[in-house]
Amino acid sequence: MTRPRIARWRTALLGTSLLALAACEGQPLDFDMRGLLGDNRFDTAQAAQNATAKRPEPDDRGIISYPGYQVAVARRNDTLSTLAARIGADAAALGRFNGIKVDDPLRAGEIIALPGRVAEPSPATGAAITGPIRPASEIDVSAIAGNAIDNAAPTPVTSQELPDDVQTGFEPVRHKVARGETAFTIARLYNVTVRALADWNSLDRDFTIREGQFLLIPTAQEAAPVRTVANDTPEPGSGSPTPTPPSAATPLPDEVPPAASEPVAAPVQEAPVVQAAAPAATGRMVFPVQGTIIREYAKGRNEGIDISVPAGTAVKAADAGTVAAITSDADQVPIIVVKHPDNLLTVYANVSDISVKKGDSVGRGQTIARVNAGDPAYVHFEVREGFESVDPMPYLR
């Protein structure tokens, strides 16, 4: 079973790349972002030096598996044909997907994107666990530990950490190199160092890349969560503390019971309190669709919110503004960027049937597109204050 494509809208896919595209769709990308919003206040010449994690180790076949996709890591002296034979894939399909010939030599460590999924990594293929790499928060420690806790000595448990040999991590963006791009422009686009980009993709010392090549964008370091179990229960046999009795300094008031012939009045039941309906939205912006938020904003992991609604639902402009860009992701699913006053941008992704074009003025609540079909169907919505993404909810409430 494949997971929903929600995981594709990760950190940078709708991040700084959208801002660049908003300024220069169809033209060479302005990677310094000068002129993005009509002035020179933004300059990314000194990209942030993010602390990135190491690329996950592949299994014995060379497979690195994530919920949204899989890649294969080439070995020394590999060709596309030998790699395909090792992982059980079609060499011709791999060649078409990656834009290379089946007999072309591959660089040791080179990343080859898979158009489909092969058998998941497992202990049988040299992986620590079966299945794709997931964030530490999603790993079921009890499933990894098996019955070990049942066989453990009956000692108090204070904490439980993920085993050191279990790979966890966030799914990185898989960037397809376009004509004219270099490793330096891509690194700046995603706000990572070119060295980290080279390490993750085993680039040569000249940072050579080719058109149509897929690159994994390094992710930030992830701290494994520690699941703490409260240890308030006393040891067996130690007894329970005796509660302090109520003070007897003040005697209880005298109570006169009613006569046996007098009826006892039934207690008066208060009417239940009914919560008043929430007032109409008074926020700076309106929701692009009315649905269920299935993925909340998380800086560095999800730069907006994902709202689940039926496919074909009208997507509204959150506020009045100008359409700054209409572009698409690697799967050719459209993305709309709208520019608003005060250096604000809103981003609408996973849409179709676009009813506006670049340069159009749109009104608050105007239909600009429809929700794309999917399982689940949803719209991804972002708010950006200049260069940085922010939580959309304060603008919507």
Protein backbone atom coordinates (compact mmCIF):
# COMPACT_ATOMS: atom_id res chain seq x y z
CA MET A 1 0.00 0.00 0.00
CA THR A 2 1.38 3.40 -0.90
CA ARG A 3 1.21 6.26 1.54
CA PRO A 4 -0.59 9.48 0.68
CA ARG A 5 1.44 11.96 -1.35
CA ILE A 6 1.24 14.43 1.52
CA ALA A 7 4.82 13.59 2.39
CA ARG A 8 5.97 15.08 -0.89
CA TRP A 9 5.27 18.63 0.29
CA ARG A 10 8.35 18.68 2.48
CA THR A 11 10.44 21.50 3.84
CA ALA A 12 11.97 23.13 0.77
CA LEU A 13 9.84 21.92 -2.13
CA LEU A 14 7.43 24.81 -1.54
CA GLY A 15 10.04 26.91 0.24
CA THR A 16 12.63 29.17 -1.23
CA SER A 17 12.22 27.68 -4.70
CA LEU A 18 8.69 29.05 -4.90
CA LEU A 19 9.87 32.49 -3.95
CA ALA A 20 12.41 32.43 -6.74
CA LEU A 21 9.83 31.17 -9.22
CA ALA A 22 7.40 33.85 -8.09
CA ALA A 23 9.82 36.45 -9.32
CA CYS A 24 11.04 34.92 -12.52
CA GLU A 25 8.88 32.19 -14.00
CA GLY A 26 10.14 31.40 -17.48
CA GLN A 27 13.36 33.41 -16.94
CA PRO A 28 16.73 32.48 -15.42
CA LEU A 29 16.20 32.12 -11.70
CA ASP A 30 17.33 35.03 -9.53
CA PHE A 31 18.95 32.99 -6.81
CA ASP A 32 19.82 36.07 -4.76
CA MET A 33 16.09 36.92 -4.63
CA ARG A 34 16.81 40.57 -5.49
CA GLY A 35 13.71 42.28 -6.81
CA LEU A 36 11.45 39.51 -5.52
CA LEU A 37 9.01 41.85 -3.87
CA GLY A 38 9.88 45.05 -5.67
CA ASP A 39 12.98 46.11 -3.72
CA ASN A 40 16.38 44.83 -2.67
CA ARG A 41 15.64 43.99 0.93
CA PHE A 42 16.25 40.24 0.48
CA ASP A 43 19.70 38.91 -0.34
CA THR A 44 20.54 35.25 0.17
CA ALA A 45 24.17 35.60 -0.84
CA GLN A 46 25.12 34.16 2.53
CA ALA A 47 22.93 31.05 2.73
CA ALA A 48 22.36 29.65 6.19
CA GLN A 49 24.76 26.89 7.16
CA ASN A 50 22.20 24.40 8.41
CA ALA A 51 23.27 21.46 10.54
CA THR A 52 22.41 18.60 8.21
CA ALA A 53 22.22 14.93 9.00
CA LYS A 54 24.31 12.30 7.26
CA ARG A 55 22.74 10.50 4.36
CA PRO A 56 21.12 7.25 5.55
CA GLU A 57 23.02 4.06 4.81
CA PRO A 58 21.48 1.85 2.08
CA ASP A 59 20.76 -1.83 2.55
CA ASP A 60 22.94 -4.52 1.00
CA ARG A 61 21.32 -3.97 -2.42
CA GLY A 62 21.91 -0.22 -2.28
CA ILE A 63 18.28 0.74 -1.58
CA ILE A 64 17.30 3.74 0.55
CA SER A 65 13.55 3.70 1.09
CA TYR A 66 11.26 6.54 2.17
CA PRO A 67 7.45 6.57 2.39
CA GLY A 68 7.14 8.65 -0.79
CA TYR A 69 9.86 7.14 -2.98
CA GLN A 70 12.96 4.94 -3.14
CA VAL A 71 16.45 5.53 -4.52
CA ALA A 72 19.37 3.22 -5.25
CA VAL A 73 23.02 3.97 -4.45
CA ALA A 74 25.47 2.86 -7.13
CA ARG A 75 28.63 0.88 -6.35
CA ARG A 76 32.05 1.20 -7.88
CA ASN A 77 32.12 -0.11 -11.48
CA ASP A 78 28.32 -0.19 -11.62
CA THR A 79 26.35 0.51 -14.77
CA LEU A 80 22.64 1.06 -14.87
CA SER A 81 22.26 -2.53 -16.09
CA THR A 82 24.20 -4.09 -13.20
CA LEU A 83 22.44 -1.91 -10.64
CA ALA A 84 19.01 -2.79 -12.09
CA ALA A 85 19.83 -6.50 -11.97
CA ARG A 86 20.90 -6.23 -8.33
CA ILE A 87 17.75 -4.43 -7.11
CA GLY A 88 15.28 -6.26 -9.37
CA ALA A 89 14.28 -3.30 -11.55
CA ASP A 90 13.98 -2.69 -15.28
CA ALA A 91 17.17 -1.08 -16.61
CA ALA A 92 15.44 0.65 -19.52
CA ALA A 93 12.85 2.22 -17.21
CA LEU A 94 15.60 3.40 -14.87
CA GLY A 95 17.44 4.94 -17.81
CA ARG A 96 14.40 6.83 -19.07
CA PHE A 97 13.54 8.09 -15.60
CA ASN A 98 17.07 9.33 -14.87
CA GLY A 99 18.02 10.47 -18.37
CA ILE A 100 21.00 8.15 -18.83
CA LYS A 101 21.82 5.12 -20.94
CA VAL A 102 21.69 1.61 -19.52
CA ASP A 103 25.39 0.99 -20.23
CA ASP A 104 26.67 4.32 -18.92
CA PRO A 105 29.14 3.90 -16.02
CA LEU A 106 27.96 5.17 -12.67
CA ARG A 107 30.00 6.94 -10.04
CA ALA A 108 30.36 5.12 -6.72
CA GLY A 109 27.68 6.49 -4.41
CA GLU A 110 25.67 8.09 -7.22
CA ILE A 111 21.94 8.36 -6.51
CA ILE A 112 19.60 6.67 -8.99
CA ALA A 113 15.91 7.49 -8.57
CA LEU A 114 13.44 4.62 -8.93
CA PRO A 115 10.27 5.24 -10.98
CA GLY A 116 8.47 2.59 -8.91
CA ARG A 117 9.06 0.68 -5.71
CA VAL A 118 11.06 -2.51 -5.30
CA ALA A 119 10.96 -4.84 -2.30
CA GLU A 120 11.29 -2.91 0.94
CA PRO A 121 14.55 -3.11 2.91
CA SER A 122 14.44 -5.63 5.74
CA PRO A 123 16.83 -7.57 7.97
CA ALA A 124 17.10 -10.07 5.11
CA THR A 125 18.60 -7.32 2.91
CA GLY A 126 20.84 -5.90 5.62
CA ALA A 127 18.48 -3.25 7.02
CA ALA A 128 17.78 -2.77 10.72
CA ILE A 129 14.00 -2.94 10.34
CA THR A 130 11.52 -3.68 7.58
CA GLY A 131 10.05 -0.80 5.63
CA PRO A 132 10.92 2.80 4.77
CA ILE A 133 12.86 5.28 6.88
CA ARG A 134 10.52 7.36 9.03
CA PRO A 135 10.86 10.12 11.65
CA ALA A 136 11.84 8.84 15.08
CA SER A 137 8.49 9.98 16.44
CA GLU A 138 6.70 7.51 14.15
CA ILE A 139 8.82 4.47 15.03
CA ASP A 140 7.03 2.01 17.30
CA VAL A 141 9.62 1.15 19.93
CA SER A 142 7.60 -1.81 21.17
CA ALA A 143 7.57 -3.31 17.65
CA ILE A 144 11.34 -2.97 17.41
CA ALA A 145 11.98 -4.36 20.87
CA GLY A 146 9.66 -7.33 20.33
CA ASN A 147 9.24 -9.36 23.48
CA ALA A 148 12.38 -8.07 25.16
CA ILE A 149 10.45 -6.05 27.71
CA ASP A 150 8.44 -9.13 28.70
CA ASN A 151 11.64 -11.02 29.50
CA ALA A 152 13.28 -8.16 31.36
CA ALA A 153 13.79 -8.16 35.13
CA PRO A 154 10.99 -6.46 37.08
CA THR A 155 12.91 -3.26 37.70
CA PRO A 156 11.50 0.25 37.48
CA VAL A 157 11.55 1.68 33.95
CA THR A 158 12.63 5.30 33.70
CA SER A 159 13.04 5.84 29.97
CA GLN A 160 13.11 4.05 26.66
CA GLU A 161 15.18 5.17 23.69
CA LEU A 162 15.32 4.03 20.10
CA PRO A 163 18.08 1.48 19.46
CA ASP A 164 21.22 2.99 17.95
CA ASP A 165 21.09 0.75 14.88
CA VAL A 166 17.62 1.87 13.74
CA GLN A 167 17.69 4.44 10.94
CA THR A 168 15.27 7.31 11.30
CA GLY A 169 14.98 10.61 9.49
CA PHE A 170 12.77 12.96 7.53
CA GLU A 171 12.05 12.31 3.88
CA PRO A 172 14.25 14.67 1.84
CA VAL A 173 13.16 16.56 -1.23
CA ARG A 174 14.12 14.72 -4.43
CA HIS A 175 15.17 17.49 -6.82
CA LYS A 176 15.32 16.93 -10.58
CA VAL A 177 18.09 19.03 -12.14
CA ALA A 178 16.86 21.47 -14.77
CA ARG A 179 18.86 22.96 -17.61
CA GLY A 180 21.19 25.72 -16.42
CA GLU A 181 21.22 24.66 -12.77
CA THR A 182 24.45 24.01 -10.90
CA ALA A 183 25.19 22.40 -7.56
CA PHE A 184 25.76 25.88 -6.14
CA THR A 185 22.45 27.31 -7.30
CA ILE A 186 20.57 24.24 -6.06
CA ALA A 187 22.32 24.39 -2.68
CA ARG A 188 21.38 28.05 -2.35
CA LEU A 189 17.85 27.34 -3.51
CA TYR A 190 17.31 24.89 -0.66
CA ASN A 191 19.42 26.80 1.88
CA VAL A 192 21.97 24.01 2.39
CA THR A 193 25.73 23.95 1.89
CA VAL A 194 27.09 22.70 -1.42
CA ARG A 195 29.36 20.37 0.56
CA ALA A 196 26.36 18.70 2.23
CA LEU A 197 24.66 18.42 -1.17
CA ALA A 198 27.81 16.82 -2.61
CA ASP A 199 28.16 14.40 0.31
CA TRP A 200 24.56 13.23 0.08
CA ASN A 201 24.82 12.65 -3.68
CA SER A 202 28.51 11.65 -3.98
CA LEU A 203 29.29 14.45 -6.42
CA ASP A 204 32.82 14.70 -7.79
CA ARG A 205 35.25 17.39 -6.67
CA ASP A 206 33.97 19.71 -9.40
CA PHE A 207 30.38 19.28 -8.16
CA THR A 208 29.34 18.06 -11.61
CA ILE A 209 25.63 17.45 -12.20
CA ARG A 210 23.62 16.78 -15.36
CA GLU A 211 20.21 17.79 -16.64
CA GLY A 212 17.57 15.27 -15.58
CA GLN A 213 19.61 13.96 -12.66
CA PHE A 214 17.83 13.47 -9.33
CA LEU A 215 19.50 14.87 -6.21
CA LEU A 216 18.56 14.26 -2.59
CA ILE A 217 18.43 17.52 -0.64
CA PRO A 218 20.09 17.07 2.79
CA THR A 219 17.77 17.18 5.76
CA ALA A 220 18.33 18.74 9.16
CA GLN A 221 19.58 16.66 12.03
CA GLU A 222 16.81 14.89 13.90
CA ALA A 223 17.00 14.22 17.61
CA ALA A 224 15.46 10.86 18.52
CA PRO A 225 12.70 11.32 21.08
CA VAL A 226 13.08 9.80 24.51
CA ARG A 227 9.90 8.27 25.79
CA THR A 228 9.85 8.82 29.53
CA VAL A 229 7.73 6.70 31.84
CA ALA A 230 6.84 8.26 35.15
CA ASN A 231 8.23 6.31 38.11
CA ASP A 232 5.77 7.36 40.81
CA THR A 233 4.70 3.83 41.80
CA PRO A 234 6.24 2.71 45.13
CA GLU A 235 8.26 -0.49 45.26
CA PRO A 236 6.30 -3.65 46.18
CA GLY A 237 6.01 -4.12 49.95
CA SER A 238 6.85 -0.53 50.78
CA GLY A 239 3.23 0.34 51.44
CA SER A 240 1.34 3.45 50.53
CA PRO A 241 1.71 6.77 52.38
CA THR A 242 -0.99 7.42 54.96
CA PRO A 243 -3.13 10.40 53.97
CA THR A 244 -3.29 13.31 56.37
CA PRO A 245 -6.66 13.27 58.17
CA PRO A 246 -8.87 16.38 58.00
CA SER A 247 -8.43 18.86 60.80
CA ALA A 248 -10.81 18.43 63.77
CA ALA A 249 -10.15 21.92 65.14
CA THR A 250 -13.48 23.16 63.82
CA PRO A 251 -16.46 20.92 64.60
CA LEU A 252 -18.83 20.00 61.84
CA PRO A 253 -22.07 22.03 61.77
CA ASP A 254 -25.16 20.49 63.28
CA GLU A 255 -27.50 19.01 60.73
CA VAL A 256 -31.17 18.55 61.48
CA PRO A 257 -32.58 15.72 59.33
CA PRO A 258 -36.08 16.31 57.96
CA ALA A 259 -39.01 14.58 59.59
CA ALA A 260 -39.89 11.21 58.15
CA SER A 261 -43.26 12.52 56.93
CA GLU A 262 -41.75 15.45 55.09
CA PRO A 263 -40.84 14.81 51.46
CA VAL A 264 -37.25 15.34 50.58
CA ALA A 265 -36.92 17.91 47.84
CA ALA A 266 -35.22 16.62 44.72
CA PRO A 267 -31.97 18.39 43.87
CA VAL A 268 -32.35 21.16 41.35
CA GLN A 269 -30.55 20.29 38.12
CA GLU A 270 -28.94 23.21 36.40
CA ALA A 271 -29.46 23.59 32.68
CA PRO A 272 -26.45 22.39 30.71
CA VAL A 273 -24.11 25.08 29.52
CA VAL A 274 -24.18 25.37 25.74
CA GLN A 275 -21.01 26.64 24.14
CA ALA A 276 -21.74 29.60 21.96
CA ALA A 277 -20.97 29.22 18.33
CA ALA A 278 -17.65 30.64 17.27
CA PRO A 279 -17.94 34.10 15.73
CA ALA A 280 -17.28 34.62 12.06
CA ALA A 281 -13.63 34.66 11.07
CA THR A 282 -12.04 38.07 11.61
CA GLY A 283 -8.48 37.16 10.59
CA ARG A 284 -6.38 38.92 8.01
CA MET A 285 -7.04 36.03 5.61
CA VAL A 286 -9.74 33.46 4.90
CA PHE A 287 -9.21 29.72 4.59
CA PRO A 288 -8.60 28.67 0.98
CA VAL A 289 -11.00 25.75 1.54
CA GLN A 290 -13.27 24.62 4.38
CA GLY A 291 -12.10 21.18 5.46
CA THR A 292 -10.08 19.19 7.98
CA ILE A 293 -6.46 20.08 8.68
CA ILE A 294 -4.66 16.76 8.30
CA ARG A 295 -1.14 18.11 8.63
CA GLU A 296 -0.21 21.14 10.70
CA TYR A 297 2.54 23.68 10.22
CA ALA A 298 5.97 22.53 11.45
CA LYS A 299 8.90 24.78 10.65
CA GLY A 300 11.51 22.87 8.66
CA ARG A 301 9.21 19.88 8.07
CA ASN A 302 5.94 21.23 6.73
CA GLU A 303 6.06 24.90 5.77
CA GLY A 304 2.29 25.22 5.67
CA ILE A 305 -0.89 23.31 6.44
CA ASP A 306 -2.60 20.52 4.48
CA ILE A 307 -6.41 20.74 4.39
CA SER A 308 -8.40 17.68 3.32
CA VAL A 309 -11.45 18.30 1.12
CA PRO A 310 -13.12 16.46 -1.77
CA ALA A 311 -11.36 16.62 -5.12
CA GLY A 312 -12.70 19.45 -7.24
CA THR A 313 -13.44 21.75 -4.31
CA ALA A 314 -12.93 25.42 -5.19
CA VAL A 315 -9.69 26.89 -3.86
CA LYS A 316 -10.09 30.54 -2.80
CA ALA A 317 -7.53 33.32 -2.58
CA ALA A 318 -6.86 33.90 1.12
CA ASP A 319 -6.64 37.65 0.58
CA ALA A 320 -6.58 40.21 -2.19
CA GLY A 321 -3.35 40.30 -4.15
CA THR A 322 -1.59 39.65 -7.44
CA VAL A 323 -0.73 36.25 -8.94
CA ALA A 324 3.07 36.27 -8.79
CA ALA A 325 3.71 32.84 -10.30
CA ILE A 326 2.05 29.70 -11.60
CA THR A 327 4.46 26.79 -11.74
CA SER A 328 4.48 23.06 -10.96
CA ASP A 329 6.31 20.50 -8.87
CA ALA A 330 8.37 17.56 -10.11
CA ASP A 331 5.14 15.62 -10.77
CA GLN A 332 3.74 18.50 -12.85
CA VAL A 333 1.08 19.32 -10.23
CA PRO A 334 0.41 23.09 -10.36
CA ILE A 335 1.47 25.56 -7.67
CA ILE A 336 0.10 29.12 -7.36
CA VAL A 337 1.91 31.96 -5.58
CA VAL A 338 -0.03 35.13 -4.74
CA LYS A 339 1.68 38.35 -3.61
CA HIS A 340 -0.09 40.54 -1.00
CA PRO A 341 0.70 43.89 0.63
CA ASP A 342 3.23 44.08 3.48
CA ASN A 343 5.64 41.60 1.86
CA LEU A 344 3.25 38.66 2.30
CA LEU A 345 3.02 35.68 -0.05
CA THR A 346 0.50 32.85 -0.03
CA VAL A 347 1.15 29.50 -1.70
CA TYR A 348 -1.50 27.05 -2.96
CA ALA A 349 -0.25 23.60 -3.98
CA ASN A 350 -1.80 20.32 -5.13
CA VAL A 351 -4.36 22.17 -7.25
CA SER A 352 -5.74 21.84 -10.77
CA ASP A 353 -8.11 23.65 -13.16
CA ILE A 354 -6.42 27.00 -12.52
CA SER A 355 -8.72 29.93 -13.39
CA VAL A 356 -6.18 32.76 -13.11
CA LYS A 357 -2.91 33.61 -14.81
CA LYS A 358 0.31 35.30 -13.76
CA GLY A 359 -0.17 39.03 -13.22
CA ASP A 360 -3.91 38.80 -12.51
CA SER A 361 -5.35 40.72 -9.57
CA VAL A 362 -7.45 38.49 -7.33
CA GLY A 363 -9.93 39.38 -4.62
CA ARG A 364 -10.28 37.93 -1.14
CA GLY A 365 -12.25 34.69 -1.45
CA GLN A 366 -12.04 34.55 -5.26
CA THR A 367 -11.82 31.07 -6.77
CA ILE A 368 -8.37 30.56 -8.31
CA ALA A 369 -8.26 26.77 -8.82
CA ARG A 370 -9.73 23.40 -7.81
CA VAL A 371 -8.37 20.75 -5.47
CA ASN A 372 -6.40 18.09 -7.31
CA ALA A 373 -7.57 14.46 -7.15
CA GLY A 374 -5.69 12.21 -4.74
CA ASP A 375 -5.91 9.81 -1.83
CA PRO A 376 -6.45 11.84 0.21
CA ALA A 377 -7.43 14.92 -1.78
CA TYR A 378 -6.12 18.04 -0.08
CA VAL A 379 -4.71 21.52 -0.68
CA HIS A 380 -1.34 22.60 0.72
CA PHE A 381 -1.42 26.24 1.91
CA GLU A 382 1.47 28.43 3.04
CA VAL A 383 1.89 31.99 4.29
CA ARG A 384 5.30 33.64 3.95
CA GLU A 385 6.45 36.86 5.54
CA GLY A 386 9.02 37.93 3.00
CA PHE A 387 11.53 35.09 2.76
CA GLU A 388 10.39 33.04 5.76
CA SER A 389 7.43 30.70 6.12
CA VAL A 390 5.20 31.30 9.13
CA ASP A 391 2.32 29.46 10.78
CA PRO A 392 -0.76 30.36 8.69
CA MET A 393 -3.20 29.92 11.59
CA PRO A 394 -2.72 33.38 13.23
CA TYR A 395 -3.60 34.92 9.86
CA LEU A 396 -6.68 32.74 9.46
CA ARG A 397 -8.23 33.08 12.90
